[in-house]
N, C-alpha and C. Protein backbone atom coordinates (compact mmCIF):
# COMPACT_ATOMS: atom_id res chain seq x y z
N MET A 1 21.10 -56.57 -54.30
CA MET A 1 20.49 -56.10 -53.10
C MET A 1 19.49 -55.08 -53.36
N ASN A 2 19.68 -54.26 -54.41
CA ASN A 2 18.78 -53.12 -54.78
C ASN A 2 17.38 -53.63 -55.08
N LYS A 3 17.28 -54.81 -55.77
CA LYS A 3 16.01 -55.39 -56.06
C LYS A 3 15.33 -55.86 -54.82
N VAL A 4 16.08 -56.38 -53.88
CA VAL A 4 15.51 -56.77 -52.64
C VAL A 4 15.03 -55.59 -51.81
N CYS A 5 15.77 -54.44 -51.79
CA CYS A 5 15.34 -53.25 -51.14
C CYS A 5 14.05 -52.69 -51.76
N THR A 6 14.03 -52.72 -53.06
CA THR A 6 12.80 -52.26 -53.79
C THR A 6 11.60 -53.08 -53.41
N ALA A 7 11.76 -54.45 -53.36
CA ALA A 7 10.67 -55.24 -52.97
C ALA A 7 10.26 -55.02 -51.53
N LEU A 8 11.28 -54.80 -50.63
CA LEU A 8 10.94 -54.52 -49.22
C LEU A 8 10.18 -53.15 -49.14
N ALA A 9 10.57 -52.16 -49.88
CA ALA A 9 9.87 -50.88 -49.88
C ALA A 9 8.42 -51.06 -50.33
N LEU A 10 8.28 -51.85 -51.38
CA LEU A 10 6.94 -52.14 -51.92
C LEU A 10 6.10 -52.84 -50.86
N GLY A 11 6.73 -53.83 -50.18
CA GLY A 11 6.01 -54.51 -49.09
C GLY A 11 5.65 -53.61 -47.97
N ALA A 12 6.52 -52.65 -47.58
CA ALA A 12 6.25 -51.76 -46.54
C ALA A 12 5.10 -50.80 -46.98
N THR A 13 5.09 -50.41 -48.16
CA THR A 13 4.03 -49.52 -48.72
C THR A 13 2.66 -50.30 -48.69
N LEU A 14 2.75 -51.57 -49.08
CA LEU A 14 1.52 -52.39 -49.00
C LEU A 14 0.97 -52.59 -47.55
N LEU A 15 1.99 -52.78 -46.63
CA LEU A 15 1.60 -52.92 -45.24
C LEU A 15 0.99 -51.60 -44.69
N GLY A 16 1.63 -50.47 -45.09
CA GLY A 16 1.07 -49.19 -44.58
C GLY A 16 -0.35 -48.95 -45.12
N SER A 17 -0.54 -49.28 -46.37
CA SER A 17 -1.87 -49.17 -46.96
C SER A 17 -2.85 -50.14 -46.30
N THR A 18 -2.36 -51.33 -45.89
CA THR A 18 -3.16 -52.26 -45.23
C THR A 18 -3.61 -51.78 -43.86
N CYS A 19 -2.70 -51.11 -43.17
CA CYS A 19 -3.02 -50.56 -41.88
C CYS A 19 -4.20 -49.60 -41.91
N ALA A 20 -4.19 -48.76 -42.99
CA ALA A 20 -5.31 -47.83 -43.15
C ALA A 20 -6.59 -48.56 -43.45
N LEU A 21 -6.51 -49.58 -44.30
CA LEU A 21 -7.67 -50.40 -44.61
C LEU A 21 -8.21 -51.14 -43.38
N ALA A 22 -7.26 -51.65 -42.57
CA ALA A 22 -7.66 -52.38 -41.42
C ALA A 22 -8.40 -51.55 -40.38
N GLN A 23 -8.21 -50.32 -40.37
CA GLN A 23 -8.89 -49.44 -39.39
C GLN A 23 -10.45 -49.40 -39.70
N ASN A 24 -10.76 -49.59 -40.96
CA ASN A 24 -12.17 -49.49 -41.38
C ASN A 24 -12.87 -50.81 -41.69
N ASP A 25 -12.05 -51.90 -41.66
CA ASP A 25 -12.56 -53.22 -42.02
C ASP A 25 -13.17 -53.97 -40.94
N THR A 26 -14.51 -54.03 -40.93
CA THR A 26 -15.15 -54.87 -39.82
C THR A 26 -15.94 -55.94 -40.43
N ALA A 27 -15.92 -56.14 -41.81
CA ALA A 27 -16.70 -57.20 -42.41
C ALA A 27 -16.22 -58.53 -41.95
N GLY A 28 -17.12 -59.44 -41.68
CA GLY A 28 -16.71 -60.79 -41.30
C GLY A 28 -16.26 -60.88 -39.87
N MET A 29 -16.45 -59.83 -39.13
CA MET A 29 -15.94 -59.89 -37.70
C MET A 29 -17.13 -60.05 -36.71
N ALA A 30 -18.28 -60.51 -37.14
CA ALA A 30 -19.37 -60.73 -36.28
C ALA A 30 -18.94 -61.74 -35.23
N GLY A 31 -19.21 -61.45 -34.00
CA GLY A 31 -18.91 -62.39 -32.91
C GLY A 31 -17.44 -62.29 -32.41
N MET A 32 -16.70 -61.38 -33.05
CA MET A 32 -15.30 -61.21 -32.59
C MET A 32 -15.33 -60.06 -31.56
N THR A 33 -14.63 -60.28 -30.47
CA THR A 33 -14.80 -59.34 -29.34
C THR A 33 -13.86 -58.15 -29.34
N GLY A 34 -12.66 -58.30 -29.91
CA GLY A 34 -11.74 -57.20 -29.81
C GLY A 34 -11.16 -57.05 -28.46
N THR A 35 -11.37 -58.07 -27.57
CA THR A 35 -10.81 -57.98 -26.18
C THR A 35 -9.28 -58.03 -26.27
N PRO A 36 -8.61 -57.41 -25.32
CA PRO A 36 -7.16 -57.46 -25.31
C PRO A 36 -6.68 -58.92 -25.18
N VAL A 37 -5.52 -59.13 -25.65
CA VAL A 37 -4.90 -60.51 -25.61
C VAL A 37 -4.00 -60.58 -24.30
N ASN A 38 -3.76 -61.83 -23.89
CA ASN A 38 -2.85 -62.02 -22.77
C ASN A 38 -1.40 -61.83 -23.27
N ASN A 39 -0.47 -61.81 -22.31
CA ASN A 39 0.92 -61.57 -22.71
C ASN A 39 1.56 -62.62 -23.61
N THR A 40 1.14 -63.87 -23.43
CA THR A 40 1.66 -64.94 -24.27
C THR A 40 1.19 -64.72 -25.72
N ASP A 41 -0.07 -64.46 -25.91
CA ASP A 41 -0.62 -64.22 -27.25
C ASP A 41 0.00 -62.98 -27.86
N ARG A 42 0.19 -61.92 -27.02
CA ARG A 42 0.78 -60.65 -27.52
C ARG A 42 2.22 -60.97 -28.04
N GLN A 43 3.01 -61.66 -27.29
CA GLN A 43 4.38 -61.97 -27.70
C GLN A 43 4.37 -62.82 -28.93
N PHE A 44 3.49 -63.81 -29.06
CA PHE A 44 3.49 -64.59 -30.27
C PHE A 44 3.07 -63.78 -31.46
N LEU A 45 2.09 -62.88 -31.37
CA LEU A 45 1.72 -62.03 -32.48
C LEU A 45 2.88 -61.12 -32.92
N ILE A 46 3.59 -60.56 -31.99
CA ILE A 46 4.76 -59.76 -32.32
C ILE A 46 5.82 -60.54 -33.00
N GLN A 47 6.14 -61.73 -32.46
CA GLN A 47 7.24 -62.58 -33.03
C GLN A 47 6.78 -63.09 -34.37
N ASN A 48 5.53 -63.41 -34.52
CA ASN A 48 4.98 -63.94 -35.78
C ASN A 48 5.11 -62.82 -36.83
N ALA A 49 4.72 -61.66 -36.48
CA ALA A 49 4.78 -60.52 -37.46
C ALA A 49 6.25 -60.28 -37.88
N GLN A 50 7.18 -60.28 -36.91
CA GLN A 50 8.57 -60.07 -37.22
C GLN A 50 9.02 -61.17 -38.17
N GLY A 51 8.70 -62.36 -37.89
CA GLY A 51 9.09 -63.49 -38.78
C GLY A 51 8.50 -63.42 -40.18
N SER A 52 7.25 -62.97 -40.17
CA SER A 52 6.53 -62.88 -41.45
C SER A 52 7.19 -61.77 -42.36
N VAL A 53 7.55 -60.65 -41.68
CA VAL A 53 8.25 -59.58 -42.43
C VAL A 53 9.54 -60.11 -43.05
N SER A 54 10.29 -60.92 -42.22
CA SER A 54 11.56 -61.48 -42.62
C SER A 54 11.32 -62.47 -43.82
N ASP A 55 10.27 -63.31 -43.67
CA ASP A 55 9.97 -64.28 -44.74
C ASP A 55 9.64 -63.54 -46.05
N TYR A 56 8.96 -62.43 -45.92
CA TYR A 56 8.60 -61.65 -47.07
C TYR A 56 9.90 -61.11 -47.75
N ALA A 57 10.83 -60.68 -46.98
CA ALA A 57 12.14 -60.17 -47.50
C ALA A 57 12.90 -61.29 -48.17
N ASN A 58 12.83 -62.51 -47.51
CA ASN A 58 13.50 -63.66 -48.15
C ASN A 58 12.86 -64.04 -49.42
N GLY A 59 11.56 -63.95 -49.52
CA GLY A 59 10.82 -64.22 -50.77
C GLY A 59 11.23 -63.26 -51.88
N ALA A 60 11.43 -62.00 -51.51
CA ALA A 60 11.86 -61.06 -52.50
C ALA A 60 13.29 -61.38 -52.99
N ALA A 61 14.14 -61.83 -52.08
CA ALA A 61 15.50 -62.17 -52.45
C ALA A 61 15.46 -63.40 -53.44
N ALA A 62 14.59 -64.40 -53.08
CA ALA A 62 14.53 -65.58 -53.93
C ALA A 62 14.00 -65.20 -55.33
N LEU A 63 13.01 -64.34 -55.38
CA LEU A 63 12.46 -63.91 -56.71
C LEU A 63 13.59 -63.18 -57.53
N ASN A 64 14.37 -62.37 -56.85
CA ASN A 64 15.34 -61.53 -57.59
C ASN A 64 16.62 -62.28 -57.83
N GLN A 65 17.03 -63.23 -57.01
CA GLN A 65 18.38 -63.86 -57.10
C GLN A 65 18.33 -65.33 -57.33
N GLY A 66 17.16 -65.88 -57.28
CA GLY A 66 17.14 -67.38 -57.49
C GLY A 66 17.60 -67.78 -58.82
N GLN A 67 18.40 -68.81 -58.91
CA GLN A 67 18.86 -69.33 -60.23
C GLN A 67 17.76 -70.32 -60.70
N SER A 68 17.22 -71.11 -59.89
CA SER A 68 16.27 -72.06 -60.31
C SER A 68 14.87 -71.42 -60.51
N PRO A 69 14.16 -71.78 -61.55
CA PRO A 69 12.79 -71.28 -61.67
C PRO A 69 11.92 -71.69 -60.50
N ALA A 70 12.17 -72.89 -59.93
CA ALA A 70 11.39 -73.29 -58.76
C ALA A 70 11.63 -72.40 -57.56
N VAL A 71 12.87 -71.98 -57.34
CA VAL A 71 13.17 -71.06 -56.25
C VAL A 71 12.53 -69.70 -56.45
N ARG A 72 12.61 -69.17 -57.69
CA ARG A 72 11.96 -67.92 -57.96
C ARG A 72 10.47 -68.00 -57.80
N GLN A 73 9.85 -69.09 -58.17
CA GLN A 73 8.40 -69.26 -57.98
C GLN A 73 8.06 -69.39 -56.55
N PHE A 74 8.91 -70.03 -55.78
CA PHE A 74 8.65 -70.18 -54.32
C PHE A 74 8.76 -68.75 -53.67
N GLY A 75 9.67 -67.94 -54.24
CA GLY A 75 9.75 -66.55 -53.74
C GLY A 75 8.49 -65.78 -53.94
N ILE A 76 7.89 -65.93 -55.14
CA ILE A 76 6.61 -65.30 -55.43
C ILE A 76 5.52 -65.80 -54.38
N TRP A 77 5.54 -67.08 -54.19
CA TRP A 77 4.55 -67.66 -53.27
C TRP A 77 4.70 -67.06 -51.90
N LEU A 78 6.00 -66.95 -51.41
CA LEU A 78 6.27 -66.37 -50.13
C LEU A 78 5.79 -64.92 -50.04
N LEU A 79 6.03 -64.13 -51.07
CA LEU A 79 5.62 -62.77 -51.12
C LEU A 79 4.05 -62.65 -51.03
N GLN A 80 3.37 -63.49 -51.79
CA GLN A 80 1.91 -63.45 -51.79
C GLN A 80 1.35 -63.85 -50.40
N ASP A 81 1.85 -65.04 -49.93
CA ASP A 81 1.33 -65.61 -48.67
C ASP A 81 1.67 -64.64 -47.47
N HIS A 82 2.89 -64.17 -47.45
CA HIS A 82 3.22 -63.32 -46.24
C HIS A 82 2.53 -61.98 -46.33
N ASN A 83 2.26 -61.47 -47.50
CA ASN A 83 1.46 -60.26 -47.57
C ASN A 83 0.07 -60.57 -47.02
N ARG A 84 -0.52 -61.62 -47.38
CA ARG A 84 -1.84 -62.01 -46.90
C ARG A 84 -1.82 -62.20 -45.40
N LEU A 85 -0.81 -62.97 -44.90
CA LEU A 85 -0.66 -63.23 -43.42
C LEU A 85 -0.49 -61.90 -42.69
N ASN A 86 0.35 -61.01 -43.24
CA ASN A 86 0.58 -59.72 -42.52
C ASN A 86 -0.70 -58.88 -42.46
N ILE A 87 -1.52 -58.90 -43.46
CA ILE A 87 -2.76 -58.18 -43.46
C ILE A 87 -3.61 -58.72 -42.30
N GLY A 88 -3.77 -60.06 -42.19
CA GLY A 88 -4.54 -60.65 -41.09
C GLY A 88 -3.99 -60.30 -39.72
N LEU A 89 -2.66 -60.40 -39.65
CA LEU A 89 -2.03 -60.02 -38.34
C LEU A 89 -2.32 -58.57 -38.00
N LEU A 90 -2.12 -57.69 -38.98
CA LEU A 90 -2.35 -56.25 -38.66
C LEU A 90 -3.77 -55.95 -38.29
N MET A 91 -4.71 -56.60 -38.93
CA MET A 91 -6.17 -56.38 -38.60
C MET A 91 -6.39 -56.90 -37.13
N LEU A 92 -5.92 -58.03 -36.86
CA LEU A 92 -6.15 -58.62 -35.48
C LEU A 92 -5.42 -57.77 -34.43
N ALA A 93 -4.19 -57.39 -34.71
CA ALA A 93 -3.41 -56.58 -33.78
C ALA A 93 -4.15 -55.28 -33.48
N GLN A 94 -4.71 -54.64 -34.50
CA GLN A 94 -5.40 -53.41 -34.26
C GLN A 94 -6.60 -53.60 -33.33
N ARG A 95 -7.37 -54.65 -33.55
CA ARG A 95 -8.54 -54.90 -32.77
C ARG A 95 -8.08 -55.26 -31.28
N LYS A 96 -6.90 -55.86 -31.13
CA LYS A 96 -6.47 -56.23 -29.85
C LYS A 96 -5.58 -55.28 -29.13
N GLY A 97 -5.27 -54.17 -29.78
CA GLY A 97 -4.40 -53.20 -29.19
C GLY A 97 -2.92 -53.55 -29.12
N VAL A 98 -2.46 -54.38 -30.13
CA VAL A 98 -1.07 -54.80 -30.11
C VAL A 98 -0.34 -54.03 -31.28
N THR A 99 0.80 -53.48 -30.94
CA THR A 99 1.62 -52.82 -31.96
C THR A 99 2.61 -53.84 -32.54
N LEU A 100 2.56 -54.01 -33.83
CA LEU A 100 3.45 -55.00 -34.51
C LEU A 100 4.63 -54.37 -35.19
N PRO A 101 5.77 -55.03 -35.27
CA PRO A 101 6.90 -54.46 -36.10
C PRO A 101 6.48 -54.63 -37.57
N LEU A 102 6.90 -53.56 -38.30
CA LEU A 102 6.61 -53.55 -39.79
C LEU A 102 7.88 -53.56 -40.56
N THR A 103 9.03 -53.69 -39.87
CA THR A 103 10.30 -53.70 -40.63
C THR A 103 11.05 -54.95 -40.20
N ILE A 104 12.02 -55.28 -40.98
CA ILE A 104 12.88 -56.52 -40.69
C ILE A 104 13.79 -56.16 -39.54
N SER A 105 14.02 -57.17 -38.66
CA SER A 105 14.83 -56.95 -37.48
C SER A 105 16.27 -56.86 -37.95
N ASP A 106 17.16 -56.32 -37.07
CA ASP A 106 18.56 -56.20 -37.33
C ASP A 106 19.16 -57.63 -37.59
N ALA A 107 18.79 -58.54 -36.76
CA ALA A 107 19.37 -59.92 -36.86
C ALA A 107 18.95 -60.50 -38.23
N ASP A 108 17.67 -60.34 -38.60
CA ASP A 108 17.24 -60.92 -39.85
C ASP A 108 17.85 -60.16 -41.06
N LYS A 109 18.11 -58.87 -40.87
CA LYS A 109 18.70 -58.09 -41.92
C LYS A 109 20.17 -58.55 -42.13
N THR A 110 20.90 -58.93 -41.11
CA THR A 110 22.21 -59.48 -41.20
C THR A 110 22.19 -60.86 -41.93
N LYS A 111 21.24 -61.65 -41.63
CA LYS A 111 21.08 -62.99 -42.29
C LYS A 111 20.75 -62.78 -43.79
N LEU A 112 19.88 -61.82 -44.04
CA LEU A 112 19.48 -61.49 -45.43
C LEU A 112 20.71 -60.98 -46.24
N THR A 113 21.50 -60.16 -45.60
CA THR A 113 22.70 -59.63 -46.28
C THR A 113 23.66 -60.76 -46.65
N ALA A 114 23.85 -61.71 -45.72
CA ALA A 114 24.71 -62.85 -45.99
C ALA A 114 24.14 -63.74 -47.06
N LEU A 115 22.82 -63.87 -47.03
CA LEU A 115 22.15 -64.74 -48.00
C LEU A 115 22.28 -64.11 -49.44
N THR A 116 22.04 -62.85 -49.53
CA THR A 116 22.07 -62.22 -50.81
C THR A 116 23.49 -61.96 -51.41
N ALA A 117 24.47 -62.19 -50.56
CA ALA A 117 25.86 -62.14 -51.06
C ALA A 117 26.17 -63.45 -51.85
N ARG A 118 25.36 -64.47 -51.72
CA ARG A 118 25.59 -65.69 -52.44
C ARG A 118 25.02 -65.57 -53.84
N LYS A 119 25.46 -66.45 -54.74
CA LYS A 119 25.05 -66.36 -56.12
C LYS A 119 24.68 -67.73 -56.62
N GLY A 120 23.85 -67.73 -57.68
CA GLY A 120 23.52 -69.01 -58.37
C GLY A 120 23.00 -70.13 -57.51
N ALA A 121 23.46 -71.33 -57.74
CA ALA A 121 23.02 -72.52 -57.06
C ALA A 121 23.36 -72.44 -55.56
N ASP A 122 24.46 -71.72 -55.26
CA ASP A 122 24.81 -71.54 -53.87
C ASP A 122 23.79 -70.75 -53.10
N PHE A 123 23.20 -69.70 -53.77
CA PHE A 123 22.21 -68.93 -53.21
C PHE A 123 20.91 -69.83 -53.02
N ASP A 124 20.52 -70.56 -54.04
CA ASP A 124 19.35 -71.40 -54.04
C ASP A 124 19.47 -72.34 -52.82
N ARG A 125 20.56 -73.05 -52.68
CA ARG A 125 20.72 -74.01 -51.54
C ARG A 125 20.65 -73.29 -50.20
N ALA A 126 21.36 -72.18 -50.04
CA ALA A 126 21.29 -71.46 -48.73
C ALA A 126 19.90 -70.93 -48.44
N PHE A 127 19.24 -70.43 -49.48
CA PHE A 127 17.86 -69.89 -49.32
C PHE A 127 16.95 -71.05 -48.85
N LEU A 128 17.03 -72.18 -49.51
CA LEU A 128 16.11 -73.31 -49.18
C LEU A 128 16.42 -73.85 -47.80
N GLN A 129 17.75 -73.95 -47.43
CA GLN A 129 18.10 -74.39 -46.10
C GLN A 129 17.50 -73.50 -45.05
N GLU A 130 17.67 -72.20 -45.25
CA GLU A 130 17.09 -71.20 -44.32
C GLU A 130 15.52 -71.27 -44.24
N ALA A 131 14.93 -71.50 -45.40
CA ALA A 131 13.47 -71.62 -45.43
C ALA A 131 13.00 -72.85 -44.64
N ILE A 132 13.72 -73.96 -44.79
CA ILE A 132 13.34 -75.22 -44.14
C ILE A 132 13.52 -75.06 -42.60
N GLN A 133 14.65 -74.49 -42.23
CA GLN A 133 14.93 -74.34 -40.82
C GLN A 133 13.94 -73.34 -40.22
N THR A 134 13.72 -72.20 -40.86
CA THR A 134 12.81 -71.17 -40.30
C THR A 134 11.38 -71.75 -40.21
N ASN A 135 10.90 -72.45 -41.24
CA ASN A 135 9.55 -72.97 -41.23
C ASN A 135 9.37 -74.03 -40.11
N GLN A 136 10.36 -74.86 -39.92
CA GLN A 136 10.33 -75.85 -38.88
C GLN A 136 10.14 -75.16 -37.51
N GLN A 137 10.94 -74.15 -37.23
CA GLN A 137 10.87 -73.42 -35.98
C GLN A 137 9.51 -72.63 -35.91
N ASP A 138 9.08 -72.09 -36.96
CA ASP A 138 7.84 -71.25 -36.94
C ASP A 138 6.63 -72.21 -36.66
N ILE A 139 6.66 -73.44 -37.26
CA ILE A 139 5.62 -74.44 -37.05
C ILE A 139 5.64 -74.88 -35.54
N SER A 140 6.77 -75.09 -35.03
CA SER A 140 6.88 -75.49 -33.59
C SER A 140 6.28 -74.43 -32.70
N ASN A 141 6.69 -73.17 -32.92
CA ASN A 141 6.20 -72.07 -32.13
C ASN A 141 4.66 -71.93 -32.24
N ALA A 142 4.13 -72.04 -33.43
CA ALA A 142 2.73 -71.87 -33.72
C ALA A 142 1.89 -72.98 -33.10
N LYS A 143 2.43 -74.23 -33.11
CA LYS A 143 1.71 -75.34 -32.45
C LYS A 143 1.62 -75.07 -30.93
N LYS A 144 2.68 -74.57 -30.34
CA LYS A 144 2.70 -74.26 -28.89
C LYS A 144 1.65 -73.17 -28.66
N GLU A 145 1.60 -72.18 -29.47
CA GLU A 145 0.63 -71.12 -29.27
C GLU A 145 -0.79 -71.58 -29.46
N LEU A 146 -0.98 -72.44 -30.45
CA LEU A 146 -2.35 -72.94 -30.67
C LEU A 146 -2.85 -73.76 -29.50
N ALA A 147 -1.92 -74.52 -28.89
CA ALA A 147 -2.35 -75.26 -27.70
C ALA A 147 -2.55 -74.39 -26.52
N ALA A 148 -1.90 -73.24 -26.40
CA ALA A 148 -1.97 -72.36 -25.24
C ALA A 148 -3.05 -71.32 -25.30
N THR A 149 -3.43 -70.81 -26.49
CA THR A 149 -4.33 -69.68 -26.55
C THR A 149 -5.78 -70.11 -26.35
N THR A 150 -6.51 -69.23 -25.69
CA THR A 150 -7.94 -69.42 -25.52
C THR A 150 -8.80 -68.41 -26.36
N ASP A 151 -8.04 -67.51 -27.00
CA ASP A 151 -8.68 -66.46 -27.75
C ASP A 151 -9.09 -66.97 -29.14
N PRO A 152 -10.32 -66.95 -29.51
CA PRO A 152 -10.79 -67.50 -30.77
C PRO A 152 -10.18 -66.76 -32.00
N GLU A 153 -10.01 -65.48 -31.87
CA GLU A 153 -9.46 -64.73 -33.01
C GLU A 153 -7.92 -65.09 -33.21
N VAL A 154 -7.22 -65.25 -32.14
CA VAL A 154 -5.84 -65.65 -32.25
C VAL A 154 -5.78 -67.07 -32.78
N ARG A 155 -6.64 -67.91 -32.39
CA ARG A 155 -6.66 -69.30 -32.86
C ARG A 155 -6.84 -69.36 -34.39
N LEU A 156 -7.73 -68.45 -34.89
CA LEU A 156 -7.96 -68.39 -36.31
C LEU A 156 -6.71 -68.00 -37.09
N VAL A 157 -6.03 -66.98 -36.63
CA VAL A 157 -4.78 -66.50 -37.20
C VAL A 157 -3.68 -67.54 -37.16
N VAL A 158 -3.54 -68.17 -35.99
CA VAL A 158 -2.51 -69.20 -35.87
C VAL A 158 -2.82 -70.38 -36.73
N THR A 159 -4.06 -70.80 -36.83
CA THR A 159 -4.39 -71.91 -37.69
C THR A 159 -4.06 -71.63 -39.23
N ASP A 160 -4.41 -70.41 -39.63
CA ASP A 160 -4.03 -69.97 -40.96
C ASP A 160 -2.56 -70.01 -41.20
N TYR A 161 -1.85 -69.47 -40.22
CA TYR A 161 -0.35 -69.39 -40.24
C TYR A 161 0.18 -70.78 -40.36
N LEU A 162 -0.29 -71.70 -39.51
CA LEU A 162 0.20 -73.01 -39.49
C LEU A 162 0.02 -73.72 -40.89
N THR A 163 -1.16 -73.58 -41.41
CA THR A 163 -1.46 -74.22 -42.71
C THR A 163 -0.50 -73.62 -43.76
N THR A 164 -0.28 -72.36 -43.78
CA THR A 164 0.61 -71.70 -44.76
C THR A 164 2.03 -72.18 -44.57
N GLU A 165 2.48 -72.23 -43.32
CA GLU A 165 3.87 -72.56 -43.01
C GLU A 165 4.09 -74.07 -43.37
N TYR A 166 3.17 -74.93 -43.17
CA TYR A 166 3.32 -76.35 -43.52
C TYR A 166 3.48 -76.44 -45.06
N GLY A 167 2.71 -75.63 -45.84
CA GLY A 167 2.85 -75.65 -47.28
C GLY A 167 4.22 -75.17 -47.66
N HIS A 168 4.72 -74.10 -47.07
CA HIS A 168 6.05 -73.54 -47.36
C HIS A 168 7.15 -74.60 -47.08
N LEU A 169 6.99 -75.25 -45.91
CA LEU A 169 8.02 -76.26 -45.56
C LEU A 169 8.03 -77.33 -46.53
N THR A 170 6.92 -77.88 -46.93
CA THR A 170 6.82 -79.00 -47.88
C THR A 170 7.41 -78.55 -49.22
N ALA A 171 7.04 -77.33 -49.65
CA ALA A 171 7.60 -76.84 -50.97
C ALA A 171 9.09 -76.70 -50.91
N ALA A 172 9.63 -76.12 -49.84
CA ALA A 172 11.10 -75.93 -49.70
C ALA A 172 11.81 -77.29 -49.70
N GLN A 173 11.20 -78.25 -48.98
CA GLN A 173 11.90 -79.58 -48.90
C GLN A 173 11.80 -80.26 -50.35
N THR A 174 10.70 -80.13 -50.99
CA THR A 174 10.57 -80.73 -52.32
C THR A 174 11.54 -80.13 -53.34
N ILE A 175 11.66 -78.81 -53.29
CA ILE A 175 12.60 -78.12 -54.23
C ILE A 175 14.00 -78.53 -53.91
N MET A 176 14.35 -78.54 -52.58
CA MET A 176 15.70 -78.98 -52.19
C MET A 176 15.99 -80.41 -52.61
N ALA A 177 15.06 -81.29 -52.46
CA ALA A 177 15.22 -82.71 -52.83
C ALA A 177 15.49 -82.80 -54.38
N GLY A 178 14.79 -81.99 -55.11
CA GLY A 178 14.89 -82.01 -56.59
C GLY A 178 16.24 -81.51 -56.97
N MET A 179 16.77 -80.50 -56.25
CA MET A 179 18.12 -79.96 -56.55
C MET A 179 19.19 -80.95 -56.18
N THR A 180 18.99 -81.68 -55.14
CA THR A 180 19.98 -82.66 -54.68
C THR A 180 20.05 -83.81 -55.66
N LYS A 181 18.86 -84.24 -56.23
CA LYS A 181 18.87 -85.33 -57.19
C LYS A 181 19.58 -84.80 -58.52
N THR A 182 19.34 -83.61 -58.90
CA THR A 182 19.92 -83.07 -60.11
C THR A 182 21.44 -83.00 -60.00
N VAL A 183 21.92 -82.56 -58.81
CA VAL A 183 23.33 -82.46 -58.61
C VAL A 183 23.98 -83.83 -58.58
N GLY A 184 23.26 -84.80 -57.96
CA GLY A 184 23.74 -86.16 -57.83
C GLY A 184 23.87 -86.90 -59.18
N ARG A 185 23.16 -86.43 -60.21
CA ARG A 185 23.22 -87.12 -61.53
C ARG A 185 24.38 -86.64 -62.35
N ARG A 186 24.94 -85.50 -62.00
CA ARG A 186 25.98 -84.91 -62.87
C ARG A 186 27.26 -85.63 -62.72
């Protein structure tokens, strides 16, 4: 758990640094209005940020506790992608006047504690099952938001998020299928 906490602290530091950078970053924002978002978009951005922070923490756990090289590599991918997604969310939130959570929720912390109590292949399986379930729910929520939002900046962030989450879902399913085949051959 110490390695996970260290990774989370590093992630929080990166996010804090990103907030400072986001205040001054206007490159590539031509045509973006910075108008406030409606309540539906606001709630989605907040929930999306909370989920992304949780996915980042799960990626750190996979990197540090994964038995399979594929699970550890997937953890690295989650760390990289969710750091990038969080930067985009923070920049958009600042322009839109939305305050985002930067720490893992109590509910997700409880799940993470239960996950990190597992070891070896048991951890790998539980991690991948959680990743598949979470990504399926995240994709469903993002599709609903994409259909509902009229804000072009929110649409860009949701589209990027959807593309990323589809990639994560496919990877988690592929790794899980490979583990199942390996176990079945023994």
